[in-house]
N, C-alpha and C. Protein backbone atom coordinates (compact mmCIF):
# COMPACT_ATOMS: atom_id res chain seq x y z
N UNK A 1 -16.38 35.72 -5.28
CA UNK A 1 -17.02 36.97 -5.32
C UNK A 1 -17.84 37.18 -4.11
N UNK A 2 -18.23 38.35 -3.86
CA UNK A 2 -19.07 38.73 -2.73
C UNK A 2 -20.09 39.71 -3.13
N UNK A 3 -21.20 39.78 -2.44
CA UNK A 3 -22.27 40.72 -2.69
C UNK A 3 -22.22 41.76 -1.65
N UNK A 4 -22.09 43.04 -2.09
CA UNK A 4 -22.07 44.21 -1.18
C UNK A 4 -23.30 45.07 -1.62
N UNK A 5 -24.36 45.04 -0.77
CA UNK A 5 -25.51 45.85 -1.18
C UNK A 5 -25.26 47.36 -0.92
N UNK A 6 -25.51 48.15 -1.95
CA UNK A 6 -25.36 49.60 -1.84
C UNK A 6 -26.69 50.27 -2.00
N UNK A 7 -27.21 50.90 -1.02
CA UNK A 7 -28.53 51.54 -1.11
C UNK A 7 -28.38 52.89 -1.62
N UNK A 8 -29.02 53.25 -2.75
CA UNK A 8 -28.88 54.52 -3.35
C UNK A 8 -29.38 55.66 -2.45
N UNK A 9 -30.11 55.33 -1.42
CA UNK A 9 -30.55 56.35 -0.42
C UNK A 9 -29.41 56.73 0.52
N UNK A 10 -28.42 55.93 0.60
CA UNK A 10 -27.28 56.25 1.53
C UNK A 10 -26.59 57.56 1.04
N UNK A 11 -25.99 58.30 2.00
CA UNK A 11 -25.24 59.46 1.52
C UNK A 11 -24.07 59.06 0.65
N UNK A 12 -23.70 59.91 -0.31
CA UNK A 12 -22.64 59.64 -1.27
C UNK A 12 -21.33 59.28 -0.58
N UNK A 13 -21.06 60.06 0.50
CA UNK A 13 -19.80 59.78 1.23
C UNK A 13 -19.79 58.34 1.80
N UNK A 14 -20.93 57.88 2.29
CA UNK A 14 -21.00 56.54 2.83
C UNK A 14 -20.79 55.52 1.77
N UNK A 15 -21.44 55.74 0.57
CA UNK A 15 -21.26 54.76 -0.48
C UNK A 15 -19.78 54.74 -0.92
N UNK A 16 -19.11 55.91 -1.08
CA UNK A 16 -17.76 55.90 -1.49
C UNK A 16 -16.87 55.14 -0.43
N UNK A 17 -17.13 55.33 0.86
CA UNK A 17 -16.39 54.67 1.88
C UNK A 17 -16.61 53.17 1.74
N UNK A 18 -17.83 52.75 1.51
CA UNK A 18 -18.12 51.32 1.47
C UNK A 18 -17.37 50.62 0.27
N UNK A 19 -17.34 51.36 -0.84
CA UNK A 19 -16.67 50.82 -2.04
C UNK A 19 -15.17 50.75 -1.72
N UNK A 20 -14.61 51.78 -1.17
CA UNK A 20 -13.14 51.80 -0.92
C UNK A 20 -12.76 50.79 0.15
N UNK A 21 -13.49 50.67 1.17
CA UNK A 21 -13.25 49.81 2.29
C UNK A 21 -13.36 48.37 1.92
N UNK A 22 -14.28 48.07 1.00
CA UNK A 22 -14.52 46.68 0.60
C UNK A 22 -13.50 46.14 -0.45
N UNK A 23 -12.82 47.12 -1.15
CA UNK A 23 -11.93 46.71 -2.21
C UNK A 23 -12.68 46.26 -3.42
N UNK A 24 -13.90 46.76 -3.58
CA UNK A 24 -14.73 46.43 -4.74
C UNK A 24 -14.01 46.66 -6.05
N UNK A 25 -14.03 45.63 -6.94
CA UNK A 25 -13.41 45.75 -8.21
C UNK A 25 -14.37 45.87 -9.39
N UNK A 26 -15.61 45.46 -9.20
CA UNK A 26 -16.62 45.62 -10.27
C UNK A 26 -17.96 45.97 -9.57
N UNK A 27 -18.57 46.87 -10.19
CA UNK A 27 -19.92 47.37 -9.72
C UNK A 27 -20.95 46.86 -10.75
N UNK A 28 -22.00 46.19 -10.23
CA UNK A 28 -23.12 45.82 -11.10
C UNK A 28 -24.32 46.65 -10.64
N UNK A 29 -24.86 47.42 -11.51
CA UNK A 29 -26.00 48.27 -11.10
C UNK A 29 -26.61 49.00 -12.25
N UNK A 30 -27.39 49.98 -11.96
CA UNK A 30 -28.04 50.83 -12.91
C UNK A 30 -27.36 52.14 -13.01
N UNK A 31 -26.93 52.50 -14.26
CA UNK A 31 -26.20 53.79 -14.47
C UNK A 31 -26.98 54.95 -13.94
N UNK A 32 -28.34 54.90 -14.10
CA UNK A 32 -29.15 56.01 -13.66
C UNK A 32 -29.09 56.25 -12.10
N UNK A 33 -28.64 55.23 -11.36
CA UNK A 33 -28.56 55.34 -9.91
C UNK A 33 -27.09 55.48 -9.43
N UNK A 34 -26.15 54.77 -10.10
CA UNK A 34 -24.82 54.60 -9.50
C UNK A 34 -23.71 55.15 -10.35
N UNK A 35 -24.03 55.89 -11.42
CA UNK A 35 -22.94 56.33 -12.34
C UNK A 35 -21.90 57.19 -11.68
N UNK A 36 -22.28 57.95 -10.62
CA UNK A 36 -21.36 58.88 -9.99
C UNK A 36 -20.41 58.19 -8.95
N UNK A 37 -20.67 56.87 -8.74
CA UNK A 37 -19.79 56.16 -7.78
C UNK A 37 -18.37 55.93 -8.31
N UNK A 38 -17.37 56.02 -7.50
CA UNK A 38 -15.97 55.85 -7.94
C UNK A 38 -15.57 54.37 -8.11
N UNK A 39 -15.86 53.80 -9.32
CA UNK A 39 -15.42 52.49 -9.62
C UNK A 39 -14.77 52.46 -10.98
N UNK A 40 -13.74 51.59 -11.20
CA UNK A 40 -13.08 51.49 -12.39
C UNK A 40 -13.83 50.67 -13.42
N UNK A 41 -14.51 49.60 -12.93
CA UNK A 41 -15.21 48.66 -13.81
C UNK A 41 -16.64 48.57 -13.39
N UNK A 42 -17.58 48.72 -14.29
CA UNK A 42 -18.98 48.55 -14.01
C UNK A 42 -19.75 47.87 -15.11
N UNK A 43 -20.75 47.14 -14.69
CA UNK A 43 -21.69 46.48 -15.64
C UNK A 43 -23.00 47.19 -15.38
N UNK A 44 -23.42 47.96 -16.36
CA UNK A 44 -24.68 48.73 -16.26
C UNK A 44 -25.82 47.97 -16.73
N UNK A 45 -26.70 47.59 -15.81
CA UNK A 45 -27.90 46.76 -16.21
C UNK A 45 -28.94 47.47 -17.02
N UNK A 46 -28.77 48.80 -17.12
CA UNK A 46 -29.78 49.57 -17.97
C UNK A 46 -29.10 49.97 -19.27
N UNK A 47 -27.95 49.40 -19.65
CA UNK A 47 -27.36 49.59 -20.98
C UNK A 47 -28.08 48.64 -21.95
N UNK A 48 -28.35 49.07 -23.13
CA UNK A 48 -29.03 48.26 -24.14
C UNK A 48 -28.28 46.94 -24.45
N UNK A 49 -26.96 47.05 -24.52
CA UNK A 49 -26.19 45.76 -24.84
C UNK A 49 -26.29 44.78 -23.71
N UNK A 50 -26.30 45.22 -22.48
CA UNK A 50 -26.42 44.28 -21.40
C UNK A 50 -27.79 43.74 -21.36
N UNK A 51 -28.78 44.56 -21.51
CA UNK A 51 -30.19 44.07 -21.50
C UNK A 51 -30.38 42.99 -22.61
N UNK A 52 -29.80 43.24 -23.75
CA UNK A 52 -29.90 42.25 -24.86
C UNK A 52 -29.20 40.95 -24.59
N UNK A 53 -27.96 41.02 -23.92
CA UNK A 53 -27.23 39.88 -23.56
C UNK A 53 -27.93 39.06 -22.53
N UNK A 54 -28.56 39.69 -21.57
CA UNK A 54 -29.28 38.97 -20.53
C UNK A 54 -30.53 38.36 -21.10
N UNK A 55 -31.21 39.00 -22.02
CA UNK A 55 -32.41 38.50 -22.58
C UNK A 55 -32.28 37.15 -23.31
N UNK A 56 -31.14 36.84 -23.80
CA UNK A 56 -30.94 35.56 -24.50
C UNK A 56 -30.43 34.45 -23.63
N UNK A 57 -30.32 34.67 -22.34
CA UNK A 57 -29.89 33.67 -21.39
C UNK A 57 -31.06 32.77 -21.05
N UNK A 58 -30.79 31.51 -20.66
CA UNK A 58 -31.92 30.67 -20.31
C UNK A 58 -32.63 31.19 -18.99
N UNK A 59 -33.90 30.93 -18.87
CA UNK A 59 -34.69 31.45 -17.69
C UNK A 59 -34.46 30.72 -16.44
N UNK A 60 -33.67 29.61 -16.46
CA UNK A 60 -33.40 28.92 -15.23
C UNK A 60 -31.91 28.82 -15.00
N UNK A 61 -31.57 28.63 -13.75
CA UNK A 61 -30.12 28.59 -13.36
C UNK A 61 -29.49 27.27 -13.86
N UNK A 62 -28.27 27.28 -14.22
CA UNK A 62 -27.62 26.00 -14.70
C UNK A 62 -27.52 25.06 -13.51
N UNK A 63 -27.50 23.79 -13.86
CA UNK A 63 -27.30 22.74 -12.88
C UNK A 63 -25.82 22.64 -12.51
N UNK A 64 -25.51 22.95 -11.26
CA UNK A 64 -24.12 22.92 -10.79
C UNK A 64 -24.05 22.02 -9.56
N UNK A 65 -23.09 21.12 -9.54
CA UNK A 65 -22.87 20.26 -8.39
C UNK A 65 -22.26 21.05 -7.28
N UNK A 66 -22.76 21.06 -6.11
CA UNK A 66 -22.22 21.81 -4.96
C UNK A 66 -21.84 20.77 -3.90
N UNK A 67 -20.54 20.62 -3.73
CA UNK A 67 -20.10 19.62 -2.72
C UNK A 67 -20.37 20.09 -1.30
N UNK A 68 -20.71 19.18 -0.40
CA UNK A 68 -20.99 19.54 0.95
C UNK A 68 -19.87 20.16 1.69
N UNK A 69 -18.61 19.90 1.24
CA UNK A 69 -17.48 20.53 1.93
C UNK A 69 -17.00 21.80 1.25
N UNK A 70 -17.80 22.35 0.39
CA UNK A 70 -17.51 23.61 -0.26
C UNK A 70 -17.44 24.77 0.75
N UNK A 71 -16.58 25.74 0.63
CA UNK A 71 -16.42 26.75 1.63
C UNK A 71 -17.66 27.55 1.94
N UNK A 72 -18.49 27.82 0.86
CA UNK A 72 -19.66 28.62 1.10
C UNK A 72 -20.82 27.78 1.69
N UNK A 73 -20.61 26.53 1.75
CA UNK A 73 -21.71 25.62 2.23
C UNK A 73 -21.28 24.86 3.46
């Protein structure tokens, strides 16, 4: 996965171009800001079900072994 920051202050045409050019398959954001963006799959952080699901997660990140030769490292 990759992180593509989308600033809601950008013009709508710029945001649409960035999504199309990146090949974005899932948008994670707030419906109140990004609902008009052209994506097929979205996780809306301001939906009650998502808020409830996140609330029951542990407050710390899981312990994950990261090898020194991992591509991102």
